[in-house]
Amino acid sequence: MQGSTLFFVVVCLAGSCVLALPRPDDAQAEVIRLETDNNGVDKYSFNYETSNGIVRSEEGVLKPGVGDAEGVLTVSGSSSWTAPDGKKYEITFTADETGYHPTIKLVA
């Protein structure tokens, strides 16, 4: 069960990265900033920014289980991008044992 929950969270997070159709300059976009940290045990984080204005950050922490229960991975993060119509969007989210909880808003 824990593995399938983690797979679901990973699929949902991957789908939340960019929802807009690619623009011609997106094919040539480059990563201009990348920061990662992963202790390999109970937490990770990453942040990146691309030359076409996509910004993404995420942090995951393993919460210990109670008694014999397995721990729970809790994840939070955000992504922002400019859609082809010029509007900037941001999605923030949390994901934990209760599911995936995104909030999408128009920034500008």
N, C-alpha and C. Protein backbone atom coordinates (compact mmCIF):
# COMPACT_ATOMS: atom_id res chain seq x y z
N MET A 1 0.82 -1.20 0.00
CA MET A 1 0.00 0.00 0.00
C MET A 1 0.86 1.25 0.00
N GLN A 2 1.90 1.28 0.82
CA GLN A 2 2.75 2.46 0.90
C GLN A 2 3.41 2.75 -0.44
N GLY A 3 3.87 1.72 -1.15
CA GLY A 3 4.51 1.90 -2.44
C GLY A 3 3.56 2.46 -3.47
N SER A 4 2.31 1.97 -3.48
CA SER A 4 1.35 2.48 -4.45
C SER A 4 0.96 3.91 -4.13
N THR A 5 0.92 4.28 -2.87
CA THR A 5 0.62 5.66 -2.49
C THR A 5 1.75 6.58 -2.95
N LEU A 6 2.98 6.15 -2.77
CA LEU A 6 4.12 6.95 -3.21
C LEU A 6 4.09 7.10 -4.73
N PHE A 7 3.79 6.02 -5.45
CA PHE A 7 3.70 6.10 -6.91
C PHE A 7 2.63 7.10 -7.33
N PHE A 8 1.48 7.09 -6.67
CA PHE A 8 0.40 8.02 -6.97
C PHE A 8 0.85 9.47 -6.76
N VAL A 9 1.54 9.71 -5.65
CA VAL A 9 2.01 11.06 -5.34
C VAL A 9 3.00 11.51 -6.41
N VAL A 10 3.93 10.64 -6.80
CA VAL A 10 4.93 11.00 -7.80
C VAL A 10 4.26 11.31 -9.14
N VAL A 11 3.27 10.50 -9.54
CA VAL A 11 2.57 10.75 -10.80
C VAL A 11 1.83 12.09 -10.74
N CYS A 12 1.16 12.37 -9.64
CA CYS A 12 0.44 13.64 -9.50
C CYS A 12 1.38 14.83 -9.54
N LEU A 13 2.51 14.71 -8.88
CA LEU A 13 3.46 15.82 -8.86
C LEU A 13 4.07 16.04 -10.24
N ALA A 14 4.36 14.97 -10.93
CA ALA A 14 4.91 15.13 -12.28
C ALA A 14 3.91 15.81 -13.19
N GLY A 15 2.65 15.48 -13.05
CA GLY A 15 1.61 16.09 -13.87
C GLY A 15 1.37 17.54 -13.55
N SER A 16 1.77 17.96 -12.36
CA SER A 16 1.52 19.35 -11.97
C SER A 16 2.62 20.31 -12.42
N CYS A 17 3.72 19.79 -12.94
CA CYS A 17 4.86 20.65 -13.29
C CYS A 17 4.48 21.75 -14.26
N VAL A 18 3.92 21.38 -15.42
CA VAL A 18 3.54 22.38 -16.41
C VAL A 18 2.29 21.91 -17.11
N LEU A 19 1.26 22.73 -17.06
CA LEU A 19 -0.02 22.37 -17.66
C LEU A 19 -0.25 23.05 -18.99
N ALA A 20 0.55 24.03 -19.34
CA ALA A 20 0.36 24.79 -20.57
C ALA A 20 1.00 24.06 -21.75
N LEU A 21 0.48 24.33 -22.96
CA LEU A 21 1.09 23.79 -24.17
C LEU A 21 2.45 24.45 -24.38
N PRO A 22 3.41 23.71 -24.93
CA PRO A 22 4.74 24.29 -25.11
C PRO A 22 4.74 25.40 -26.16
N ARG A 23 5.53 26.43 -25.91
CA ARG A 23 5.74 27.50 -26.87
C ARG A 23 6.98 27.15 -27.68
N PRO A 24 7.17 27.78 -28.83
CA PRO A 24 8.34 27.46 -29.65
C PRO A 24 9.66 27.60 -28.89
N ASP A 25 9.80 28.62 -28.03
CA ASP A 25 11.05 28.80 -27.30
C ASP A 25 11.23 27.80 -26.17
N ASP A 26 10.18 27.07 -25.81
CA ASP A 26 10.30 26.07 -24.75
C ASP A 26 11.24 24.94 -25.13
N ALA A 27 11.31 24.59 -26.40
CA ALA A 27 12.18 23.50 -26.84
C ALA A 27 13.65 23.82 -26.61
N GLN A 28 14.00 25.10 -26.58
CA GLN A 28 15.38 25.50 -26.36
C GLN A 28 15.63 25.98 -24.93
N ALA A 29 14.66 25.84 -24.08
CA ALA A 29 14.82 26.32 -22.70
C ALA A 29 15.94 25.55 -22.00
N GLU A 30 16.65 26.27 -21.15
CA GLU A 30 17.76 25.69 -20.40
C GLU A 30 17.53 25.92 -18.91
N VAL A 31 18.08 25.02 -18.12
CA VAL A 31 18.05 25.20 -16.67
C VAL A 31 19.10 26.24 -16.32
N ILE A 32 18.65 27.31 -15.66
CA ILE A 32 19.59 28.38 -15.28
C ILE A 32 19.92 28.35 -13.79
N ARG A 33 19.14 27.61 -13.02
CA ARG A 33 19.42 27.44 -11.59
C ARG A 33 18.92 26.08 -11.16
N LEU A 34 19.74 25.34 -10.43
CA LEU A 34 19.35 24.03 -9.92
C LEU A 34 20.00 23.81 -8.57
N GLU A 35 19.18 23.53 -7.58
CA GLU A 35 19.67 23.23 -6.24
C GLU A 35 18.99 21.95 -5.78
N THR A 36 19.76 21.00 -5.29
CA THR A 36 19.19 19.75 -4.80
C THR A 36 19.85 19.37 -3.48
N ASP A 37 19.09 18.68 -2.67
CA ASP A 37 19.60 18.14 -1.42
C ASP A 37 18.81 16.87 -1.11
N ASN A 38 19.50 15.78 -0.86
CA ASN A 38 18.85 14.52 -0.55
C ASN A 38 19.76 13.76 0.39
N ASN A 39 19.30 13.56 1.62
CA ASN A 39 20.14 12.86 2.57
C ASN A 39 20.03 11.35 2.43
N GLY A 40 19.14 10.87 1.53
CA GLY A 40 19.02 9.44 1.28
C GLY A 40 18.31 8.67 2.38
N VAL A 41 17.83 9.37 3.38
CA VAL A 41 17.20 8.68 4.51
C VAL A 41 15.77 9.16 4.72
N ASP A 42 15.60 10.44 5.02
CA ASP A 42 14.27 10.88 5.43
C ASP A 42 13.86 12.26 4.91
N LYS A 43 14.64 12.84 3.98
CA LYS A 43 14.21 14.12 3.43
C LYS A 43 14.95 14.42 2.13
N TYR A 44 14.30 15.26 1.32
CA TYR A 44 14.92 15.73 0.08
C TYR A 44 14.33 17.10 -0.25
N SER A 45 15.00 17.81 -1.13
CA SER A 45 14.46 19.06 -1.64
C SER A 45 15.14 19.37 -2.97
N PHE A 46 14.43 20.11 -3.80
CA PHE A 46 15.03 20.61 -5.03
C PHE A 46 14.34 21.89 -5.44
N ASN A 47 15.08 22.72 -6.18
CA ASN A 47 14.59 23.98 -6.72
C ASN A 47 15.25 24.15 -8.07
N TYR A 48 14.47 24.61 -9.04
CA TYR A 48 15.09 24.95 -10.31
C TYR A 48 14.33 26.07 -11.00
N GLU A 49 15.02 26.70 -11.94
CA GLU A 49 14.44 27.76 -12.77
C GLU A 49 14.97 27.56 -14.18
N THR A 50 14.09 27.75 -15.16
CA THR A 50 14.50 27.61 -16.55
C THR A 50 14.52 28.96 -17.24
N SER A 51 15.19 29.00 -18.38
CA SER A 51 15.33 30.26 -19.11
C SER A 51 14.01 30.78 -19.68
N ASN A 52 12.99 29.93 -19.76
CA ASN A 52 11.68 30.38 -20.25
C ASN A 52 10.72 30.71 -19.10
N GLY A 53 11.24 30.87 -17.88
CA GLY A 53 10.45 31.37 -16.78
C GLY A 53 9.76 30.36 -15.90
N ILE A 54 10.00 29.08 -16.10
CA ILE A 54 9.41 28.07 -15.21
C ILE A 54 10.24 28.01 -13.93
N VAL A 55 9.56 28.05 -12.80
CA VAL A 55 10.22 27.94 -11.50
C VAL A 55 9.54 26.82 -10.73
N ARG A 56 10.33 25.94 -10.12
CA ARG A 56 9.76 24.78 -9.41
C ARG A 56 10.55 24.55 -8.15
N SER A 57 9.85 24.23 -7.07
CA SER A 57 10.51 23.83 -5.82
C SER A 57 9.68 22.75 -5.15
N GLU A 58 10.37 21.89 -4.42
CA GLU A 58 9.68 20.80 -3.74
C GLU A 58 10.53 20.33 -2.57
N GLU A 59 9.83 19.91 -1.52
CA GLU A 59 10.50 19.36 -0.35
C GLU A 59 9.70 18.17 0.15
N GLY A 60 10.39 17.09 0.45
CA GLY A 60 9.74 15.90 0.99
C GLY A 60 10.40 15.50 2.29
N VAL A 61 9.58 15.12 3.26
CA VAL A 61 10.08 14.70 4.57
C VAL A 61 9.33 13.44 4.97
N LEU A 62 10.06 12.46 5.46
CA LEU A 62 9.44 11.23 5.94
C LEU A 62 9.07 11.41 7.40
N LYS A 63 7.75 11.38 7.66
CA LYS A 63 7.28 11.46 9.05
C LYS A 63 7.31 10.05 9.61
N PRO A 64 7.89 9.86 10.78
CA PRO A 64 7.94 8.51 11.36
C PRO A 64 6.54 7.99 11.68
N GLY A 65 6.39 6.68 11.56
CA GLY A 65 5.13 6.05 11.91
C GLY A 65 5.00 5.89 13.41
N VAL A 66 3.79 5.58 13.85
CA VAL A 66 3.53 5.35 15.26
C VAL A 66 3.58 3.86 15.51
N GLY A 67 4.36 3.43 16.49
CA GLY A 67 4.48 2.01 16.80
C GLY A 67 5.13 1.27 15.65
N ASP A 68 4.44 0.23 15.15
CA ASP A 68 4.96 -0.58 14.05
C ASP A 68 4.58 -0.03 12.69
N ALA A 69 3.82 1.05 12.64
CA ALA A 69 3.37 1.61 11.36
C ALA A 69 4.54 2.20 10.58
N GLU A 70 4.45 2.08 9.26
CA GLU A 70 5.47 2.67 8.40
C GLU A 70 5.37 4.20 8.44
N GLY A 71 6.45 4.85 8.08
CA GLY A 71 6.43 6.30 8.01
C GLY A 71 5.63 6.78 6.81
N VAL A 72 5.35 8.07 6.78
CA VAL A 72 4.56 8.68 5.71
C VAL A 72 5.39 9.80 5.09
N LEU A 73 5.50 9.76 3.76
CA LEU A 73 6.19 10.82 3.05
C LEU A 73 5.25 12.00 2.89
N THR A 74 5.66 13.17 3.38
CA THR A 74 4.88 14.39 3.18
C THR A 74 5.67 15.28 2.23
N VAL A 75 4.98 15.82 1.25
CA VAL A 75 5.63 16.60 0.20
C VAL A 75 4.91 17.93 0.07
N SER A 76 5.67 18.99 -0.13
CA SER A 76 5.08 20.29 -0.42
C SER A 76 5.94 20.97 -1.48
N GLY A 77 5.30 21.85 -2.23
CA GLY A 77 6.06 22.52 -3.26
C GLY A 77 5.24 23.50 -4.06
N SER A 78 5.87 24.02 -5.09
CA SER A 78 5.18 24.97 -5.96
C SER A 78 5.83 24.98 -7.33
N SER A 79 5.06 25.41 -8.31
CA SER A 79 5.53 25.61 -9.68
C SER A 79 4.88 26.88 -10.20
N SER A 80 5.60 27.63 -11.01
CA SER A 80 5.01 28.77 -11.68
C SER A 80 5.51 28.81 -13.11
N TRP A 81 4.68 29.33 -13.99
CA TRP A 81 4.99 29.40 -15.41
C TRP A 81 4.12 30.44 -16.07
N THR A 82 4.54 30.87 -17.24
CA THR A 82 3.75 31.80 -18.04
C THR A 82 3.12 31.02 -19.18
N ALA A 83 1.82 31.11 -19.29
CA ALA A 83 1.06 30.41 -20.33
C ALA A 83 1.25 31.10 -21.68
N PRO A 84 0.91 30.43 -22.77
CA PRO A 84 1.05 31.05 -24.10
C PRO A 84 0.31 32.38 -24.25
N ASP A 85 -0.75 32.59 -23.46
CA ASP A 85 -1.49 33.86 -23.55
C ASP A 85 -0.85 34.97 -22.73
N GLY A 86 0.33 34.70 -22.12
CA GLY A 86 1.05 35.71 -21.37
C GLY A 86 0.70 35.79 -19.90
N LYS A 87 -0.27 35.01 -19.45
CA LYS A 87 -0.66 35.04 -18.04
C LYS A 87 0.25 34.11 -17.24
N LYS A 88 0.61 34.56 -16.02
CA LYS A 88 1.46 33.77 -15.16
C LYS A 88 0.61 33.01 -14.14
N TYR A 89 0.88 31.72 -13.99
CA TYR A 89 0.15 30.86 -13.07
C TYR A 89 1.09 30.28 -12.04
N GLU A 90 0.52 29.93 -10.90
CA GLU A 90 1.28 29.28 -9.84
C GLU A 90 0.43 28.17 -9.24
N ILE A 91 1.05 27.04 -9.02
CA ILE A 91 0.40 25.95 -8.32
C ILE A 91 1.23 25.66 -7.07
N THR A 92 0.57 25.60 -5.94
CA THR A 92 1.20 25.17 -4.70
C THR A 92 0.49 23.90 -4.27
N PHE A 93 1.19 23.04 -3.58
CA PHE A 93 0.57 21.77 -3.22
C PHE A 93 1.19 21.18 -1.97
N THR A 94 0.43 20.30 -1.37
CA THR A 94 0.92 19.39 -0.34
C THR A 94 0.42 18.01 -0.72
N ALA A 95 1.15 17.02 -0.32
CA ALA A 95 0.74 15.63 -0.53
C ALA A 95 1.18 14.84 0.69
N ASP A 96 0.27 14.05 1.22
CA ASP A 96 0.57 13.26 2.40
C ASP A 96 -0.38 12.07 2.45
N GLU A 97 -0.54 11.50 3.62
CA GLU A 97 -1.41 10.33 3.76
C GLU A 97 -2.88 10.63 3.45
N THR A 98 -3.23 11.91 3.41
CA THR A 98 -4.62 12.26 3.10
C THR A 98 -4.83 12.56 1.62
N GLY A 99 -3.74 12.57 0.81
CA GLY A 99 -3.87 12.79 -0.63
C GLY A 99 -3.08 13.98 -1.13
N TYR A 100 -3.39 14.34 -2.35
CA TYR A 100 -2.72 15.44 -3.05
C TYR A 100 -3.65 16.66 -2.99
N HIS A 101 -3.10 17.80 -2.54
CA HIS A 101 -3.91 18.99 -2.30
C HIS A 101 -3.31 20.19 -3.04
N PRO A 102 -3.68 20.40 -4.32
CA PRO A 102 -3.13 21.52 -5.07
C PRO A 102 -4.01 22.77 -4.96
N THR A 103 -3.38 23.92 -5.13
CA THR A 103 -4.07 25.19 -5.25
C THR A 103 -3.45 25.91 -6.44
N ILE A 104 -4.28 26.25 -7.42
CA ILE A 104 -3.79 26.94 -8.61
C ILE A 104 -4.34 28.35 -8.61
N LYS A 105 -3.45 29.32 -8.92
CA LYS A 105 -3.93 30.70 -8.97
C LYS A 105 -3.27 31.44 -10.12
N LEU A 106 -3.96 32.42 -10.59
CA LEU A 106 -3.46 33.34 -11.60
C LEU A 106 -2.68 34.41 -10.87
N VAL A 107 -1.40 34.56 -11.20
CA VAL A 107 -0.53 35.51 -10.50
C VAL A 107 -0.56 36.86 -11.19
N ALA A 108 -0.41 36.85 -12.50
CA ALA A 108 -0.40 38.12 -13.25
C ALA A 108 -0.90 37.90 -14.66
